[in-house]
Amino acid sequence: NIIPGPPQRALLLPATFTGSVGLFYMACRQILKDYIKKLERERFEADLKEAHDVLAHMGTRLQDLERNDQSVVELDEDMGHMIEALHEVEADFENLVRTHSRMLERTDSATSKPDKA
């Protein structure tokens, strides 16, 4: 026997270690989850701002085109950038919705499972 004392205390050290590691994991898991949510939110907001800026830029470009009769090629390039920015916003939004629905499903399944006695 490595640990002296009665056999009832033989598992005290491994149980304490396992419990400590489990508590540490639970604390870090929530912090990491919150950090990832924050990063996703910031990315979504940045993409949304970019899409807004591109749309505003397109509005001024259209007004300039009406006034100065600029090339259609430049307008086409700007439209491509605008569409790309909107696709990024759409993909980020779908990712957020998917992540949120998965979290809700996990929460619902965890609360609906009956305890086995």
Foldseek 3Di string as FASTA:
>chain_A
DPDDDDPVCVCVVVVVVVVVVVVVCVVVVVVVVVVVVVVLVVVLVVLVVVLVVLVVVLVVVVVCCVVPVDDVVVNVVSVVVNVVSVVVNVVSVVVVVVVVVVVVVVVVVVVPDDDDD
